[in-house]
Amino acid sequence: PRTLLLVRFPDGTTIYEQKASDTFAASLEKIGLNRVAKLGMKVNKE
């Protein structure tokens, strides 16, 4: 069954899109894509 993400930031910003992938990407963008990229995290070997 379809599930979604609800993300709350300490500054009160809430991100809740119609697709979990959009919420995920928007949340990473707010955190800072460059900061996240520097962590070197992998998903499916990428």
PDB file of all heavy atoms in Angstrom:
ATOM      1  N   PRO A   1       0.843  -1.199   0.000  1.00  0.00           N
ATOM      2  CA  PRO A   1       0.000   0.000   0.000  1.00  0.00           C
ATOM      3  C   PRO A   1       0.881   1.254   0.000  1.00  0.00           C
ATOM      4  O   PRO A   1       1.962   1.266   0.590  1.00  0.00           O
ATOM      5  CB  PRO A   1      -0.784  -0.104   1.304  1.00  0.00           C
ATOM      6  CG  PRO A   1      -0.720  -1.536   1.686  1.00  0.00           C
ATOM      7  CD  PRO A   1       0.569  -2.065   1.126  1.00  0.00           C
ATOM      8  N   ARG A   2       0.399   2.289  -0.637  1.00  0.00           N
ATOM      9  CA  ARG A   2       1.158   3.521  -0.785  1.00  0.00           C
ATOM     10  C   ARG A   2       1.364   4.194   0.570  1.00  0.00           C
ATOM     11  O   ARG A   2       0.437   4.319   1.375  1.00  0.00           O
ATOM     12  CB  ARG A   2       0.409   4.448  -1.720  1.00  0.00           C
ATOM     13  CG  ARG A   2       1.123   5.728  -1.971  1.00  0.00           C
ATOM     14  CD  ARG A   2       0.371   6.564  -2.951  1.00  0.00           C
ATOM     15  NE  ARG A   2       0.953   7.890  -2.947  1.00  0.00           N
ATOM     16  CZ  ARG A   2       0.614   8.831  -3.750  1.00  0.00           C
ATOM     17  NH1 ARG A   2      -0.330   8.619  -4.637  1.00  0.00           N
ATOM     18  NH2 ARG A   2       1.188  10.009  -3.697  1.00  0.00           N
ATOM     19  N   THR A   3       2.591   4.632   0.797  1.00  0.00           N
ATOM     20  CA  THR A   3       2.917   5.386   1.998  1.00  0.00           C
ATOM     21  C   THR A   3       3.646   6.665   1.592  1.00  0.00           C
ATOM     22  O   THR A   3       4.268   6.721   0.534  1.00  0.00           O
ATOM     23  CB  THR A   3       3.789   4.572   2.972  1.00  0.00           C
ATOM     24  OG1 THR A   3       4.958   4.119   2.287  1.00  0.00           O
ATOM     25  CG2 THR A   3       3.030   3.389   3.534  1.00  0.00           C
ATOM     26  N   LEU A   4       3.558   7.658   2.441  1.00  0.00           N
ATOM     27  CA  LEU A   4       4.178   8.955   2.187  1.00  0.00           C
ATOM     28  C   LEU A   4       5.075   9.325   3.359  1.00  0.00           C
ATOM     29  O   LEU A   4       5.027   8.698   4.410  1.00  0.00           O
ATOM     30  CB  LEU A   4       3.095  10.023   2.010  1.00  0.00           C
ATOM     31  CG  LEU A   4       2.075   9.779   0.905  1.00  0.00           C
ATOM     32  CD1 LEU A   4       0.971  10.825   0.952  1.00  0.00           C
ATOM     33  CD2 LEU A   4       2.751   9.778  -0.452  1.00  0.00           C
ATOM     34  N   LEU A   5       5.866  10.362   3.149  1.00  0.00           N
ATOM     35  CA  LEU A   5       6.723  10.879   4.210  1.00  0.00           C
ATOM     36  C   LEU A   5       6.218  12.239   4.673  1.00  0.00           C
ATOM     37  O   LEU A   5       5.736  13.043   3.867  1.00  0.00           O
ATOM     38  CB  LEU A   5       8.161  11.053   3.703  1.00  0.00           C
ATOM     39  CG  LEU A   5       8.992   9.806   3.506  1.00  0.00           C
ATOM     40  CD1 LEU A   5      10.324  10.157   2.846  1.00  0.00           C
ATOM     41  CD2 LEU A   5       9.231   9.106   4.833  1.00  0.00           C
ATOM     42  N   LEU A   6       6.359  12.479   5.960  1.00  0.00           N
ATOM     43  CA  LEU A   6       6.080  13.774   6.555  1.00  0.00           C
ATOM     44  C   LEU A   6       7.355  14.168   7.304  1.00  0.00           C
ATOM     45  O   LEU A   6       7.796  13.443   8.203  1.00  0.00           O
ATOM     46  CB  LEU A   6       4.897  13.677   7.520  1.00  0.00           C
ATOM     47  CG  LEU A   6       4.565  14.930   8.310  1.00  0.00           C
ATOM     48  CD1 LEU A   6       4.024  16.015   7.384  1.00  0.00           C
ATOM     49  CD2 LEU A   6       3.548  14.616   9.396  1.00  0.00           C
ATOM     50  N   VAL A   7       7.955  15.288   6.899  1.00  0.00           N
ATOM     51  CA  VAL A   7       9.228  15.707   7.482  1.00  0.00           C
ATOM     52  C   VAL A   7       9.065  17.084   8.117  1.00  0.00           C
ATOM     53  O   VAL A   7       8.608  18.029   7.458  1.00  0.00           O
ATOM     54  CB  VAL A   7      10.344  15.748   6.405  1.00  0.00           C
ATOM     55  CG1 VAL A   7      11.669  16.173   7.029  1.00  0.00           C
ATOM     56  CG2 VAL A   7      10.479  14.391   5.723  1.00  0.00           C
ATOM     57  N   ARG A   8       9.442  17.172   9.411  1.00  0.00           N
ATOM     58  CA  ARG A   8       9.390  18.447  10.128  1.00  0.00           C
ATOM     59  C   ARG A   8      10.805  18.860  10.511  1.00  0.00           C
ATOM     60  O   ARG A   8      11.570  18.068  11.080  1.00  0.00           O
ATOM     61  CB  ARG A   8       8.543  18.316  11.388  1.00  0.00           C
ATOM     62  CG  ARG A   8       7.073  18.220  11.093  1.00  0.00           C
ATOM     63  CD  ARG A   8       6.224  18.542  12.324  1.00  0.00           C
ATOM     64  NE  ARG A   8       4.820  18.547  11.965  1.00  0.00           N
ATOM     65  CZ  ARG A   8       4.013  17.497  12.095  1.00  0.00           C
ATOM     66  NH1 ARG A   8       4.460  16.374  12.582  1.00  0.00           N
ATOM     67  NH2 ARG A   8       2.751  17.598  11.729  1.00  0.00           N
ATOM     68  N   PHE A   9      11.123  20.105  10.217  1.00  0.00           N
ATOM     69  CA  PHE A   9      12.420  20.684  10.567  1.00  0.00           C
ATOM     70  C   PHE A   9      12.278  21.470  11.869  1.00  0.00           C
ATOM     71  O   PHE A   9      11.176  21.942  12.201  1.00  0.00           O
ATOM     72  CB  PHE A   9      12.887  21.625   9.450  1.00  0.00           C
ATOM     73  CG  PHE A   9      13.393  20.917   8.232  1.00  0.00           C
ATOM     74  CD1 PHE A   9      12.507  20.369   7.309  1.00  0.00           C
ATOM     75  CD2 PHE A   9      14.760  20.774   8.002  1.00  0.00           C
ATOM     76  CE1 PHE A   9      12.962  19.715   6.189  1.00  0.00           C
ATOM     77  CE2 PHE A   9      15.226  20.114   6.880  1.00  0.00           C
ATOM     78  CZ  PHE A   9      14.331  19.581   5.969  1.00  0.00           C
ATOM     79  N   PRO A  10      13.364  21.644  12.619  1.00  0.00           N
ATOM     80  CA  PRO A  10      13.303  22.379  13.888  1.00  0.00           C
ATOM     81  C   PRO A  10      12.794  23.817  13.740  1.00  0.00           C
ATOM     82  O   PRO A  10      12.223  24.368  14.679  1.00  0.00           O
ATOM     83  CB  PRO A  10      14.744  22.375  14.394  1.00  0.00           C
ATOM     84  CG  PRO A  10      15.366  21.191  13.736  1.00  0.00           C
ATOM     85  CD  PRO A  10      14.692  21.064  12.404  1.00  0.00           C
ATOM     86  N   ASP A  11      12.958  24.427  12.552  1.00  0.00           N
ATOM     87  CA  ASP A  11      12.490  25.803  12.350  1.00  0.00           C
ATOM     88  C   ASP A  11      10.987  25.880  12.081  1.00  0.00           C
ATOM     89  O   ASP A  11      10.444  26.951  11.828  1.00  0.00           O
ATOM     90  CB  ASP A  11      13.263  26.481  11.217  1.00  0.00           C
ATOM     91  CG  ASP A  11      12.967  25.889   9.838  1.00  0.00           C
ATOM     92  OD1 ASP A  11      12.141  24.947   9.714  1.00  0.00           O
ATOM     93  OD2 ASP A  11      13.577  26.364   8.856  1.00  0.00           O
ATOM     94  N   GLY A  12      10.289  24.719  12.125  1.00  0.00           N
ATOM     95  CA  GLY A  12       8.853  24.685  11.909  1.00  0.00           C
ATOM     96  C   GLY A  12       8.439  24.325  10.492  1.00  0.00           C
ATOM     97  O   GLY A  12       7.264  24.070  10.224  1.00  0.00           O
ATOM     98  N   THR A  13       9.382  24.283   9.567  1.00  0.00           N
ATOM     99  CA  THR A  13       9.073  23.913   8.186  1.00  0.00           C
ATOM    100  C   THR A  13       8.612  22.465   8.140  1.00  0.00           C
ATOM    101  O   THR A  13       9.229  21.581   8.748  1.00  0.00           O
ATOM    102  CB  THR A  13      10.311  24.066   7.276  1.00  0.00           C
ATOM    103  OG1 THR A  13      10.756  25.416   7.332  1.00  0.00           O
ATOM    104  CG2 THR A  13      10.006  23.672   5.844  1.00  0.00           C
ATOM    105  N   THR A  14       7.521  22.227   7.433  1.00  0.00           N
ATOM    106  CA  THR A  14       7.007  20.876   7.226  1.00  0.00           C
ATOM    107  C   THR A  14       7.005  20.596   5.732  1.00  0.00           C
ATOM    108  O   THR A  14       6.527  21.415   4.949  1.00  0.00           O
ATOM    109  CB  THR A  14       5.582  20.723   7.783  1.00  0.00           C
ATOM    110  OG1 THR A  14       5.613  20.966   9.185  1.00  0.00           O
ATOM    111  CG2 THR A  14       5.040  19.319   7.536  1.00  0.00           C
ATOM    112  N   ILE A  15       7.545  19.451   5.351  1.00  0.00           N
ATOM    113  CA  ILE A  15       7.536  19.039   3.951  1.00  0.00           C
ATOM    114  C   ILE A  15       6.716  17.762   3.860  1.00  0.00           C
ATOM    115  O   ILE A  15       7.006  16.770   4.532  1.00  0.00           O
ATOM    116  CB  ILE A  15       8.963  18.833   3.399  1.00  0.00           C
ATOM    117  CG1 ILE A  15       9.749  20.139   3.497  1.00  0.00           C
ATOM    118  CG2 ILE A  15       8.908  18.331   1.950  1.00  0.00           C
ATOM    119  CD1 ILE A  15      11.189  20.045   3.043  1.00  0.00           C
ATOM    120  N   TYR A  16       5.673  17.826   3.006  1.00  0.00           N
ATOM    121  CA  TYR A  16       4.742  16.710   2.855  1.00  0.00           C
ATOM    122  C   TYR A  16       4.186  16.790   1.434  1.00  0.00           C
ATOM    123  O   TYR A  16       3.246  17.523   1.165  1.00  0.00           O
ATOM    124  CB  TYR A  16       3.628  16.810   3.898  1.00  0.00           C
ATOM    125  CG  TYR A  16       2.574  15.740   3.829  1.00  0.00           C
ATOM    126  CD1 TYR A  16       2.882  14.412   4.101  1.00  0.00           C
ATOM    127  CD2 TYR A  16       1.260  16.058   3.518  1.00  0.00           C
ATOM    128  CE1 TYR A  16       1.905  13.431   4.059  1.00  0.00           C
ATOM    129  CE2 TYR A  16       0.269  15.083   3.468  1.00  0.00           C
ATOM    130  CZ  TYR A  16       0.607  13.765   3.743  1.00  0.00           C
ATOM    131  OH  TYR A  16      -0.367  12.799   3.698  1.00  0.00           O
ATOM    132  N   GLU A  17       4.814  16.067   0.526  1.00  0.00           N
ATOM    133  CA  GLU A  17       4.432  16.093  -0.887  1.00  0.00           C
ATOM    134  C   GLU A  17       3.532  14.903  -1.208  1.00  0.00           C
ATOM    135  O   GLU A  17       3.352  14.004  -0.397  1.00  0.00           O
ATOM    136  CB  GLU A  17       5.688  16.058  -1.763  1.00  0.00           C
ATOM    137  CG  GLU A  17       6.642  17.212  -1.525  1.00  0.00           C
ATOM    138  CD  GLU A  17       6.104  18.567  -1.949  1.00  0.00           C
ATOM    139  OE1 GLU A  17       5.197  18.605  -2.803  1.00  0.00           O
ATOM    140  OE2 GLU A  17       6.581  19.583  -1.421  1.00  0.00           O
ATOM    141  N   GLN A  18       3.017  14.879  -2.426  1.00  0.00           N
ATOM    142  CA  GLN A  18       2.116  13.813  -2.858  1.00  0.00           C
ATOM    143  C   GLN A  18       2.827  12.484  -3.102  1.00  0.00           C
ATOM    144  O   GLN A  18       2.180  11.449  -3.182  1.00  0.00           O
ATOM    145  CB  GLN A  18       1.380  14.238  -4.121  1.00  0.00           C
ATOM    146  CG  GLN A  18       0.573  15.499  -3.903  1.00  0.00           C
ATOM    147  CD  GLN A  18      -0.846  15.352  -4.374  1.00  0.00           C
ATOM    148  OE1 GLN A  18      -1.189  14.402  -5.041  1.00  0.00           O
ATOM    149  NE2 GLN A  18      -1.663  16.300  -4.016  1.00  0.00           N
ATOM    150  N   LYS A  19       4.156  12.535  -3.231  1.00  0.00           N
ATOM    151  CA  LYS A  19       4.943  11.311  -3.387  1.00  0.00           C
ATOM    152  C   LYS A  19       6.093  11.350  -2.385  1.00  0.00           C
ATOM    153  O   LYS A  19       6.685  12.415  -2.161  1.00  0.00           O
ATOM    154  CB  LYS A  19       5.504  11.202  -4.812  1.00  0.00           C
ATOM    155  CG  LYS A  19       4.434  11.038  -5.864  1.00  0.00           C
ATOM    156  CD  LYS A  19       4.975  10.652  -7.241  1.00  0.00           C
ATOM    157  CE  LYS A  19       6.093  11.491  -7.730  1.00  0.00           C
ATOM    158  NZ  LYS A  19       6.465  11.245  -9.128  1.00  0.00           N
ATOM    159  N   ALA A  20       6.401  10.203  -1.802  1.00  0.00           N
ATOM    160  CA  ALA A  20       7.498  10.126  -0.829  1.00  0.00           C
ATOM    161  C   ALA A  20       8.813  10.571  -1.455  1.00  0.00           C
ATOM    162  O   ALA A  20       9.631  11.228  -0.808  1.00  0.00           O
ATOM    163  CB  ALA A  20       7.616   8.707  -0.273  1.00  0.00           C
ATOM    164  N   SER A  21       9.007  10.244  -2.735  1.00  0.00           N
ATOM    165  CA  SER A  21      10.254  10.624  -3.403  1.00  0.00           C
ATOM    166  C   SER A  21      10.393  12.144  -3.493  1.00  0.00           C
ATOM    167  O   SER A  21      11.497  12.684  -3.340  1.00  0.00           O
ATOM    168  CB  SER A  21      10.340   9.996  -4.792  1.00  0.00           C
ATOM    169  OG  SER A  21       9.255  10.394  -5.594  1.00  0.00           O
ATOM    170  N   ASP A  22       9.287  12.853  -3.714  1.00  0.00           N
ATOM    171  CA  ASP A  22       9.333  14.318  -3.781  1.00  0.00           C
ATOM    172  C   ASP A  22       9.609  14.922  -2.405  1.00  0.00           C
ATOM    173  O   ASP A  22      10.368  15.892  -2.281  1.00  0.00           O
ATOM    174  CB  ASP A  22       8.027  14.871  -4.349  1.00  0.00           C
ATOM    175  CG  ASP A  22       7.848  14.553  -5.831  1.00  0.00           C
ATOM    176  OD1 ASP A  22       8.856  14.251  -6.517  1.00  0.00           O
ATOM    177  OD2 ASP A  22       6.697  14.583  -6.304  1.00  0.00           O
ATOM    178  N   THR A  23       8.991  14.359  -1.363  1.00  0.00           N
ATOM    179  CA  THR A  23       9.260  14.827  -0.003  1.00  0.00           C
ATOM    180  C   THR A  23      10.718  14.600   0.351  1.00  0.00           C
ATOM    181  O   THR A  23      11.388  15.469   0.917  1.00  0.00           O
ATOM    182  CB  THR A  23       8.355  14.093   1.021  1.00  0.00           C
ATOM    183  OG1 THR A  23       6.993  14.333   0.683  1.00  0.00           O
ATOM    184  CG2 THR A  23       8.634  14.543   2.446  1.00  0.00           C
ATOM    185  N   PHE A  24      11.228  13.424  -0.012  1.00  0.00           N
ATOM    186  CA  PHE A  24      12.620  13.065   0.260  1.00  0.00           C
ATOM    187  C   PHE A  24      13.564  14.066  -0.406  1.00  0.00           C
ATOM    188  O   PHE A  24      14.441  14.634   0.246  1.00  0.00           O
ATOM    189  CB  PHE A  24      12.860  11.640  -0.256  1.00  0.00           C
ATOM    190  CG  PHE A  24      14.227  11.093   0.001  1.00  0.00           C
ATOM    191  CD1 PHE A  24      14.632  10.758   1.282  1.00  0.00           C
ATOM    192  CD2 PHE A  24      15.102  10.868  -1.054  1.00  0.00           C
ATOM    193  CE1 PHE A  24      15.889  10.219   1.511  1.00  0.00           C
ATOM    194  CE2 PHE A  24      16.357  10.339  -0.830  1.00  0.00           C
ATOM    195  CZ  PHE A  24      16.751  10.015   0.457  1.00  0.00           C
ATOM    196  N   ALA A  25      13.369  14.292  -1.712  1.00  0.00           N
ATOM    197  CA  ALA A  25      14.249  15.186  -2.465  1.00  0.00           C
ATOM    198  C   ALA A  25      14.154  16.624  -1.943  1.00  0.00           C
ATOM    199  O   ALA A  25      15.174  17.306  -1.793  1.00  0.00           O
ATOM    200  CB  ALA A  25      13.920  15.116  -3.952  1.00  0.00           C
ATOM    201  N   ALA A  26      12.942  17.091  -1.659  1.00  0.00           N
ATOM    202  CA  ALA A  26      12.761  18.452  -1.145  1.00  0.00           C
ATOM    203  C   ALA A  26      13.424  18.612   0.227  1.00  0.00           C
ATOM    204  O   ALA A  26      14.015  19.658   0.526  1.00  0.00           O
ATOM    205  CB  ALA A  26      11.275  18.792  -1.066  1.00  0.00           C
ATOM    206  N   SER A  27      13.342  17.588   1.046  1.00  0.00           N
ATOM    207  CA  SER A  27      13.973  17.630   2.369  1.00  0.00           C
ATOM    208  C   SER A  27      15.486  17.701   2.245  1.00  0.00           C
ATOM    209  O   SER A  27      16.140  18.485   2.943  1.00  0.00           O
ATOM    210  CB  SER A  27      13.564  16.409   3.198  1.00  0.00           C
ATOM    211  OG  SER A  27      12.172  16.382   3.403  1.00  0.00           O
ATOM    212  N   LEU A  28      16.048  16.892   1.350  1.00  0.00           N
ATOM    213  CA  LEU A  28      17.498  16.933   1.139  1.00  0.00           C
ATOM    214  C   LEU A  28      17.925  18.287   0.592  1.00  0.00           C
ATOM    215  O   LEU A  28      18.978  18.815   0.963  1.00  0.00           O
ATOM    216  CB  LEU A  28      17.939  15.825   0.187  1.00  0.00           C
ATOM    217  CG  LEU A  28      17.745  14.385   0.678  1.00  0.00           C
ATOM    218  CD1 LEU A  28      18.353  13.400  -0.305  1.00  0.00           C
ATOM    219  CD2 LEU A  28      18.308  14.179   2.065  1.00  0.00           C
ATOM    220  N   GLU A  29      17.090  18.874  -0.267  1.00  0.00           N
ATOM    221  CA  GLU A  29      17.405  20.188  -0.814  1.00  0.00           C
ATOM    222  C   GLU A  29      17.425  21.236   0.299  1.00  0.00           C
ATOM    223  O   GLU A  29      18.308  22.093   0.344  1.00  0.00           O
ATOM    224  CB  GLU A  29      16.390  20.570  -1.887  1.00  0.00           C
ATOM    225  CG  GLU A  29      16.750  21.837  -2.635  1.00  0.00           C
ATOM    226  CD  GLU A  29      15.834  22.093  -3.817  1.00  0.00           C
ATOM    227  OE1 GLU A  29      14.719  21.529  -3.880  1.00  0.00           O
ATOM    228  OE2 GLU A  29      16.247  22.882  -4.691  1.00  0.00           O
ATOM    229  N   LYS A  30      16.459  21.183   1.217  1.00  0.00           N
ATOM    230  CA  LYS A  30      16.431  22.137   2.335  1.00  0.00           C
ATOM    231  C   LYS A  30      17.650  21.944   3.245  1.00  0.00           C
ATOM    232  O   LYS A  30      18.237  22.923   3.716  1.00  0.00           O
ATOM    233  CB  LYS A  30      15.140  22.006   3.135  1.00  0.00           C
ATOM    234  CG  LYS A  30      15.106  22.979   4.328  1.00  0.00           C
ATOM    235  CD  LYS A  30      13.738  23.151   4.895  1.00  0.00           C
ATOM    236  CE  LYS A  30      13.721  23.986   6.159  1.00  0.00           C
ATOM    237  NZ  LYS A  30      14.358  25.280   6.064  1.00  0.00           N
ATOM    238  N   ILE A  31      18.039  20.690   3.488  1.00  0.00           N
ATOM    239  CA  ILE A  31      19.224  20.415   4.306  1.00  0.00           C
ATOM    240  C   ILE A  31      20.469  20.966   3.618  1.00  0.00           C
ATOM    241  O   ILE A  31      21.369  21.495   4.256  1.00  0.00           O
ATOM    242  CB  ILE A  31      19.373  18.893   4.555  1.00  0.00           C
ATOM    243  CG1 ILE A  31      18.245  18.401   5.449  1.00  0.00           C
ATOM    244  CG2 ILE A  31      20.728  18.564   5.170  1.00  0.00           C
ATOM    245  CD1 ILE A  31      18.116  16.888   5.506  1.00  0.00           C
ATOM    246  N   GLY A  32      20.496  20.825   2.294  1.00  0.00           N
ATOM    247  CA  GLY A  32      21.656  21.254   1.500  1.00  0.00           C
ATOM    248  C   GLY A  32      22.204  20.065   0.731  1.00  0.00           C
ATOM    249  O   GLY A  32      22.832  19.183   1.332  1.00  0.00           O
ATOM    250  N   LEU A  33      21.946  20.037  -0.558  1.00  0.00           N
ATOM    251  CA  LEU A  33      22.370  18.887  -1.371  1.00  0.00           C
ATOM    252  C   LEU A  33      23.877  18.698  -1.342  1.00  0.00           C
ATOM    253  O   LEU A  33      24.361  17.565  -1.316  1.00  0.00           O
ATOM    254  CB  LEU A  33      21.852  19.043  -2.803  1.00  0.00           C
ATOM    255  CG  LEU A  33      20.333  18.968  -2.922  1.00  0.00           C
ATOM    256  CD1 LEU A  33      19.863  19.442  -4.289  1.00  0.00           C
ATOM    257  CD2 LEU A  33      19.849  17.555  -2.646  1.00  0.00           C
ATOM    258  N   ASN A  34      24.629  19.773  -1.317  1.00  0.00           N
ATOM    259  CA  ASN A  34      26.084  19.667  -1.248  1.00  0.00           C
ATOM    260  C   ASN A  34      26.523  19.023   0.069  1.00  0.00           C
ATOM    261  O   ASN A  34      27.403  18.161   0.086  1.00  0.00           O
ATOM    262  CB  ASN A  34      26.728  21.047  -1.418  1.00  0.00           C
ATOM    263  CG  ASN A  34      28.228  20.958  -1.550  1.00  0.00           C
ATOM    264  OD1 ASN A  34      28.740  20.101  -2.257  1.00  0.00           O
ATOM    265  ND2 ASN A  34      28.925  21.848  -0.876  1.00  0.00           N
ATOM    266  N   ARG A  35      25.884  19.425   1.171  1.00  0.00           N
ATOM    267  CA  ARG A  35      26.211  18.839   2.483  1.00  0.00           C
ATOM    268  C   ARG A  35      25.922  17.336   2.489  1.00  0.00           C
ATOM    269  O   ARG A  35      26.714  16.541   2.990  1.00  0.00           O
ATOM    270  CB  ARG A  35      25.387  19.498   3.585  1.00  0.00           C
ATOM    271  CG  ARG A  35      25.752  20.929   3.883  1.00  0.00           C
ATOM    272  CD  ARG A  35      24.817  21.525   4.916  1.00  0.00           C
ATOM    273  NE  ARG A  35      25.064  20.913   6.234  1.00  0.00           N
ATOM    274  CZ  ARG A  35      24.182  20.932   7.224  1.00  0.00           C
ATOM    275  NH1 ARG A  35      23.004  21.527   7.065  1.00  0.00           N
ATOM    276  NH2 ARG A  35      24.461  20.357   8.373  1.00  0.00           N
ATOM    277  N   VAL A  36      24.767  16.954   1.937  1.00  0.00           N
ATOM    278  CA  VAL A  36      24.379  15.544   1.911  1.00  0.00           C
ATOM    279  C   VAL A  36      25.319  14.756   0.992  1.00  0.00           C
ATOM    280  O   VAL A  36      25.748  13.651   1.324  1.00  0.00           O
ATOM    281  CB  VAL A  36      22.902  15.381   1.480  1.00  0.00           C
ATOM    282  CG1 VAL A  36      22.532  13.908   1.364  1.00  0.00           C
ATOM    283  CG2 VAL A  36      21.977  16.085   2.468  1.00  0.00           C
ATOM    284  N   ALA A  37      25.658  15.328  -0.163  1.00  0.00           N
ATOM    285  CA  ALA A  37      26.563  14.645  -1.101  1.00  0.00           C
ATOM    286  C   ALA A  37      27.903  14.346  -0.434  1.00  0.00           C
ATOM    287  O   ALA A  37      28.485  13.276  -0.649  1.00  0.00           O
ATOM    288  CB  ALA A  37      26.759  15.487  -2.361  1.00  0.00           C
ATOM    289  N   LYS A  38      28.383  15.269   0.390  1.00  0.00           N
ATOM    290  CA  LYS A  38      29.685  15.081   1.057  1.00  0.00           C
ATOM    291  C   LYS A  38      29.681  13.908   2.043  1.00  0.00           C
ATOM    292  O   LYS A  38      30.738  13.389   2.381  1.00  0.00           O
ATOM    293  CB  LYS A  38      30.086  16.358   1.782  1.00  0.00           C
ATOM    294  CG  LYS A  38      30.538  17.449   0.833  1.00  0.00           C
ATOM    295  CD  LYS A  38      30.920  18.708   1.586  1.00  0.00           C
ATOM    296  CE  LYS A  38      31.331  19.797   0.629  1.00  0.00           C
ATOM    297  NZ  LYS A  38      31.646  21.049   1.333  1.00  0.00           N
ATOM    298  N   LEU A  39      28.486  13.473   2.482  1.00  0.00           N
ATOM    299  CA  LEU A  39      28.420  12.321   3.386  1.00  0.00           C
ATOM    300  C   LEU A  39      28.798  11.025   2.675  1.00  0.00           C
ATOM    301  O   LEU A  39      29.163  10.047   3.323  1.00  0.00           O
ATOM    302  CB  LEU A  39      27.007  12.194   3.977  1.00  0.00           C
ATOM    303  CG  LEU A  39      26.557  13.307   4.914  1.00  0.00           C
ATOM    304  CD1 LEU A  39      25.090  13.112   5.305  1.00  0.00           C
ATOM    305  CD2 LEU A  39      27.447  13.376   6.149  1.00  0.00           C
ATOM    306  N   GLY A  40      28.663  11.003   1.339  1.00  0.00           N
ATOM    307  CA  GLY A  40      29.038   9.813   0.567  1.00  0.00           C
ATOM    308  C   GLY A  40      28.100   8.633   0.759  1.00  0.00           C
ATOM    309  O   GLY A  40      28.500   7.487   0.560  1.00  0.00           O
ATOM    310  N   MET A  41      26.861   8.905   1.131  1.00  0.00           N
ATOM    311  CA  MET A  41      25.905   7.809   1.339  1.00  0.00           C
ATOM    312  C   MET A  41      25.542   7.164   0.009  1.00  0.00           C
ATOM    313  O   MET A  41      25.490   7.833  -1.020  1.00  0.00           O
ATOM    314  CB  MET A  41      24.657   8.327   2.049  1.00  0.00           C
ATOM    315  CG  MET A  41      24.936   8.750   3.477  1.00  0.00           C
ATOM    316  SD  MET A  41      23.495   9.488   4.287  1.00  0.00           S
ATOM    317  CE  MET A  41      22.374   8.097   4.296  1.00  0.00           C
ATOM    318  N   LYS A  42      25.279   5.860   0.054  1.00  0.00           N
ATOM    319  CA  LYS A  42      24.943   5.096  -1.144  1.00  0.00           C
ATOM    320  C   LYS A  42      23.532   4.546  -1.049  1.00  0.00           C
ATOM    321  O   LYS A  42      23.033   4.261   0.025  1.00  0.00           O
ATOM    322  CB  LYS A  42      25.900   3.906  -1.314  1.00  0.00           C
ATOM    323  CG  LYS A  42      27.368   4.269  -1.375  1.00  0.00           C
ATOM    324  CD  LYS A  42      27.745   4.697  -2.747  1.00  0.00           C
ATOM    325  CE  LYS A  42      29.258   4.872  -2.826  1.00  0.00           C
ATOM    326  NZ  LYS A  42      29.639   5.601  -4.001  1.00  0.00           N
ATOM    327  N   VAL A  43      22.915   4.383  -2.210  1.00  0.00           N
ATOM    328  CA  VAL A  43      21.647   3.675  -2.330  1.00  0.00           C
ATOM    329  C   VAL A  43      21.749   2.849  -3.604  1.00  0.00           C
ATOM    330  O   VAL A  43      22.130   3.360  -4.649  1.00  0.00           O
ATOM    331  CB  VAL A  43      20.426   4.632  -2.332  1.00  0.00           C
ATOM    332  CG1 VAL A  43      20.440   5.591  -3.489  1.00  0.00           C
ATOM    333  CG2 VAL A  43      19.129   3.862  -2.294  1.00  0.00           C
ATOM    334  N   ASN A  44      21.487   1.567  -3.498  1.00  0.00           N
ATOM    335  CA  ASN A  44      21.625   0.653  -4.633  1.00  0.00           C
ATOM    336  C   ASN A  44      22.986   0.797  -5.316  1.00  0.00           C
ATOM    337  O   ASN A  44      23.087   0.859  -6.536  1.00  0.00           O
ATOM    338  CB  ASN A  44      20.487   0.869  -5.636  1.00  0.00           C
ATOM    339  CG  ASN A  44      19.140   0.553  -5.053  1.00  0.00           C
ATOM    340  OD1 ASN A  44      18.987  -0.408  -4.314  1.00  0.00           O
ATOM    341  ND2 ASN A  44      18.149   1.368  -5.356  1.00  0.00           N
ATOM    342  N   LYS A  45      24.028   0.923  -4.512  1.00  0.00           N
ATOM    343  CA  LYS A  45      25.421   1.013  -4.957  1.00  0.00           C
ATOM    344  C   LYS A  45      25.755   2.281  -5.742  1.00  0.00           C
ATOM    345  O   LYS A  45      26.754   2.351  -6.427  1.00  0.00           O
ATOM    346  CB  LYS A  45      25.816  -0.226  -5.767  1.00  0.00           C
ATOM    347  CG  LYS A  45      25.750  -1.507  -4.969  1.00  0.00           C
ATOM    348  CD  LYS A  45      26.273  -2.668  -5.754  1.00  0.00           C
ATOM    349  CE  LYS A  45      26.189  -3.919  -4.909  1.00  0.00           C
ATOM    350  NZ  LYS A  45      26.657  -5.086  -5.600  1.00  0.00           N
ATOM    351  N   GLU A  46      24.913   3.291  -5.637  1.00  0.00           N
ATOM    352  CA  GLU A  46      25.175   4.576  -6.277  1.00  0.00           C
ATOM    353  C   GLU A  46      25.115   5.666  -5.219  1.00  0.00           C
ATOM    354  O   GLU A  46      24.458   5.501  -4.188  1.00  0.00           O
ATOM    355  CB  GLU A  46      24.131   4.871  -7.361  1.00  0.00           C
ATOM    356  CG  GLU A  46      24.200   3.923  -8.527  1.00  0.00           C
ATOM    357  CD  GLU A  46      23.252   4.310  -9.654  1.00  0.00           C
ATOM    358  OE1 GLU A  46      22.182   4.899  -9.392  1.00  0.00           O
ATOM    359  OE2 GLU A  46      23.595   4.025 -10.790  1.00  0.00           O
TER     360      GLU A  46
END
